[in-house]
Amino acid sequence: MDYVSALVPPVVMAVFFIGLIVTIVKSQGGDRKAKEDAAVDAAIARAEAARQQDATTA
């Protein structure tokens, strides 16, 4: 029975990890992709504007 108690934690972790990967893959693309892309583009634009502002004031 010791081998069962030794194998349970890795098996449980593997199941949760596979579930995480499946969730990540399923959430890519679709309706949410445009919203996520827009959020990333906005963050990049803000960072670029802040960098340019710092360059002009320095």
N, C-alpha and C. Protein backbone atom coordinates (compact mmCIF):
# COMPACT_ATOMS: atom_id res chain seq x y z
N MET A 1 0.80 -1.20 0.00
CA MET A 1 0.00 0.00 0.00
C MET A 1 0.85 1.27 0.00
N ASP A 2 2.11 1.14 0.35
CA ASP A 2 2.97 2.33 0.34
C ASP A 2 3.14 2.88 -1.07
N TYR A 3 3.14 2.01 -2.06
CA TYR A 3 3.32 2.48 -3.42
C TYR A 3 2.11 3.30 -3.88
N VAL A 4 0.92 2.97 -3.39
CA VAL A 4 -0.27 3.75 -3.75
C VAL A 4 -0.16 5.16 -3.17
N SER A 5 0.21 5.27 -1.91
CA SER A 5 0.33 6.59 -1.30
C SER A 5 1.48 7.39 -1.91
N ALA A 6 2.47 6.70 -2.46
CA ALA A 6 3.58 7.40 -3.11
C ALA A 6 3.18 7.88 -4.51
N LEU A 7 2.26 7.20 -5.16
CA LEU A 7 1.88 7.57 -6.53
C LEU A 7 0.72 8.57 -6.59
N VAL A 8 -0.07 8.66 -5.55
CA VAL A 8 -1.26 9.53 -5.60
C VAL A 8 -0.89 11.00 -5.82
N PRO A 9 0.02 11.61 -5.05
CA PRO A 9 0.31 13.04 -5.28
C PRO A 9 0.79 13.37 -6.70
N PRO A 10 1.72 12.60 -7.29
CA PRO A 10 2.11 12.93 -8.66
C PRO A 10 0.99 12.75 -9.67
N VAL A 11 0.15 11.77 -9.48
CA VAL A 11 -0.96 11.55 -10.40
C VAL A 11 -1.96 12.70 -10.29
N VAL A 12 -2.27 13.13 -9.08
CA VAL A 12 -3.19 14.25 -8.89
C VAL A 12 -2.62 15.52 -9.50
N MET A 13 -1.33 15.77 -9.29
CA MET A 13 -0.70 16.95 -9.87
C MET A 13 -0.71 16.88 -11.39
N ALA A 14 -0.48 15.70 -11.95
CA ALA A 14 -0.50 15.55 -13.40
C ALA A 14 -1.90 15.82 -13.96
N VAL A 15 -2.93 15.35 -13.29
CA VAL A 15 -4.29 15.59 -13.75
C VAL A 15 -4.60 17.09 -13.73
N PHE A 16 -4.24 17.77 -12.66
CA PHE A 16 -4.49 19.21 -12.59
C PHE A 16 -3.67 19.97 -13.64
N PHE A 17 -2.44 19.54 -13.88
CA PHE A 17 -1.60 20.18 -14.89
C PHE A 17 -2.19 20.01 -16.28
N ILE A 18 -2.66 18.81 -16.59
CA ILE A 18 -3.29 18.57 -17.89
C ILE A 18 -4.54 19.42 -18.03
N GLY A 19 -5.32 19.53 -16.96
CA GLY A 19 -6.50 20.38 -16.99
C GLY A 19 -6.14 21.84 -17.23
N LEU A 20 -5.06 22.30 -16.62
CA LEU A 20 -4.59 23.67 -16.83
C LEU A 20 -4.19 23.90 -18.28
N ILE A 21 -3.44 22.97 -18.84
CA ILE A 21 -3.01 23.10 -20.23
C ILE A 21 -4.21 23.10 -21.17
N VAL A 22 -5.16 22.22 -20.93
CA VAL A 22 -6.36 22.17 -21.78
C VAL A 22 -7.12 23.49 -21.69
N THR A 23 -7.24 24.05 -20.50
CA THR A 23 -7.93 25.32 -20.32
C THR A 23 -7.22 26.45 -21.05
N ILE A 24 -5.90 26.47 -20.96
CA ILE A 24 -5.13 27.50 -21.65
C ILE A 24 -5.29 27.38 -23.16
N VAL A 25 -5.22 26.17 -23.68
CA VAL A 25 -5.34 25.97 -25.13
C VAL A 25 -6.74 26.34 -25.60
N LYS A 26 -7.76 25.96 -24.84
CA LYS A 26 -9.13 26.28 -25.25
C LYS A 26 -9.41 27.77 -25.19
N SER A 27 -8.74 28.50 -24.32
CA SER A 27 -9.01 29.93 -24.18
C SER A 27 -8.27 30.76 -25.23
N GLN A 28 -7.43 30.14 -26.02
CA GLN A 28 -6.72 30.87 -27.07
C GLN A 28 -7.64 31.02 -28.27
N GLY A 29 -7.67 32.20 -28.83
CA GLY A 29 -8.49 32.43 -30.01
C GLY A 29 -9.94 32.65 -29.67
N GLY A 30 -10.76 32.59 -30.67
CA GLY A 30 -12.20 32.75 -30.47
C GLY A 30 -12.58 34.19 -30.19
N ASP A 31 -13.69 34.35 -29.49
CA ASP A 31 -14.22 35.69 -29.21
C ASP A 31 -13.29 36.49 -28.32
N ARG A 32 -12.58 35.84 -27.43
CA ARG A 32 -11.73 36.55 -26.48
C ARG A 32 -10.41 37.02 -27.11
N LYS A 33 -10.03 36.45 -28.24
CA LYS A 33 -8.75 36.79 -28.83
C LYS A 33 -8.66 38.27 -29.19
N ALA A 34 -9.67 38.81 -29.82
CA ALA A 34 -9.65 40.22 -30.21
C ALA A 34 -9.57 41.12 -28.99
N LYS A 35 -10.30 40.77 -27.94
CA LYS A 35 -10.28 41.58 -26.72
C LYS A 35 -8.91 41.52 -26.06
N GLU A 36 -8.32 40.33 -26.01
CA GLU A 36 -6.99 40.19 -25.41
C GLU A 36 -5.95 40.93 -26.24
N ASP A 37 -6.04 40.81 -27.58
CA ASP A 37 -5.10 41.51 -28.45
C ASP A 37 -5.21 43.02 -28.28
N ALA A 38 -6.44 43.52 -28.16
CA ALA A 38 -6.63 44.95 -27.98
C ALA A 38 -6.04 45.42 -26.66
N ALA A 39 -6.19 44.62 -25.62
CA ALA A 39 -5.63 44.99 -24.31
C ALA A 39 -4.11 45.03 -24.37
N VAL A 40 -3.52 44.07 -25.03
CA VAL A 40 -2.06 44.03 -25.16
C VAL A 40 -1.57 45.21 -26.00
N ASP A 41 -2.27 45.49 -27.10
CA ASP A 41 -1.88 46.62 -27.94
C ASP A 41 -1.97 47.93 -27.19
N ALA A 42 -3.00 48.09 -26.36
CA ALA A 42 -3.16 49.31 -25.57
C ALA A 42 -2.03 49.44 -24.55
N ALA A 43 -1.68 48.33 -23.91
CA ALA A 43 -0.59 48.37 -22.92
C ALA A 43 0.73 48.72 -23.59
N ILE A 44 0.97 48.16 -24.76
CA ILE A 44 2.22 48.46 -25.48
C ILE A 44 2.24 49.93 -25.90
N ALA A 45 1.10 50.45 -26.36
CA ALA A 45 1.03 51.85 -26.77
C ALA A 45 1.29 52.77 -25.58
N ARG A 46 0.72 52.44 -24.41
CA ARG A 46 0.97 53.26 -23.21
C ARG A 46 2.44 53.23 -22.83
N ALA A 47 3.04 52.05 -22.89
CA ALA A 47 4.45 51.94 -22.53
C ALA A 47 5.32 52.72 -23.51
N GLU A 48 4.99 52.64 -24.78
CA GLU A 48 5.76 53.36 -25.80
C GLU A 48 5.60 54.87 -25.61
N ALA A 49 4.38 55.34 -25.32
CA ALA A 49 4.16 56.77 -25.12
C ALA A 49 4.91 57.25 -23.89
N ALA A 50 4.92 56.46 -22.83
CA ALA A 50 5.65 56.84 -21.62
C ALA A 50 7.15 56.88 -21.90
N ARG A 51 7.64 55.93 -22.67
CA ARG A 51 9.07 55.92 -23.01
C ARG A 51 9.45 57.13 -23.84
N GLN A 52 8.62 57.49 -24.80
CA GLN A 52 8.90 58.65 -25.63
C GLN A 52 8.82 59.94 -24.82
N GLN A 53 7.88 60.00 -23.89
CA GLN A 53 7.76 61.19 -23.05
C GLN A 53 8.98 61.33 -22.15
N ASP A 54 9.46 60.22 -21.62
CA ASP A 54 10.68 60.26 -20.79
C ASP A 54 11.88 60.69 -21.61
N ALA A 55 11.94 60.28 -22.86
CA ALA A 55 13.06 60.62 -23.72
C ALA A 55 13.05 62.11 -24.05
N THR A 56 11.88 62.70 -24.21
CA THR A 56 11.82 64.11 -24.56
C THR A 56 12.05 65.02 -23.36
N THR A 57 11.73 64.54 -22.16
CA THR A 57 11.92 65.38 -20.97
C THR A 57 13.32 65.24 -20.41
N ALA A 58 14.06 64.24 -20.84
CA ALA A 58 15.41 64.03 -20.29
C ALA A 58 16.45 64.83 -21.04
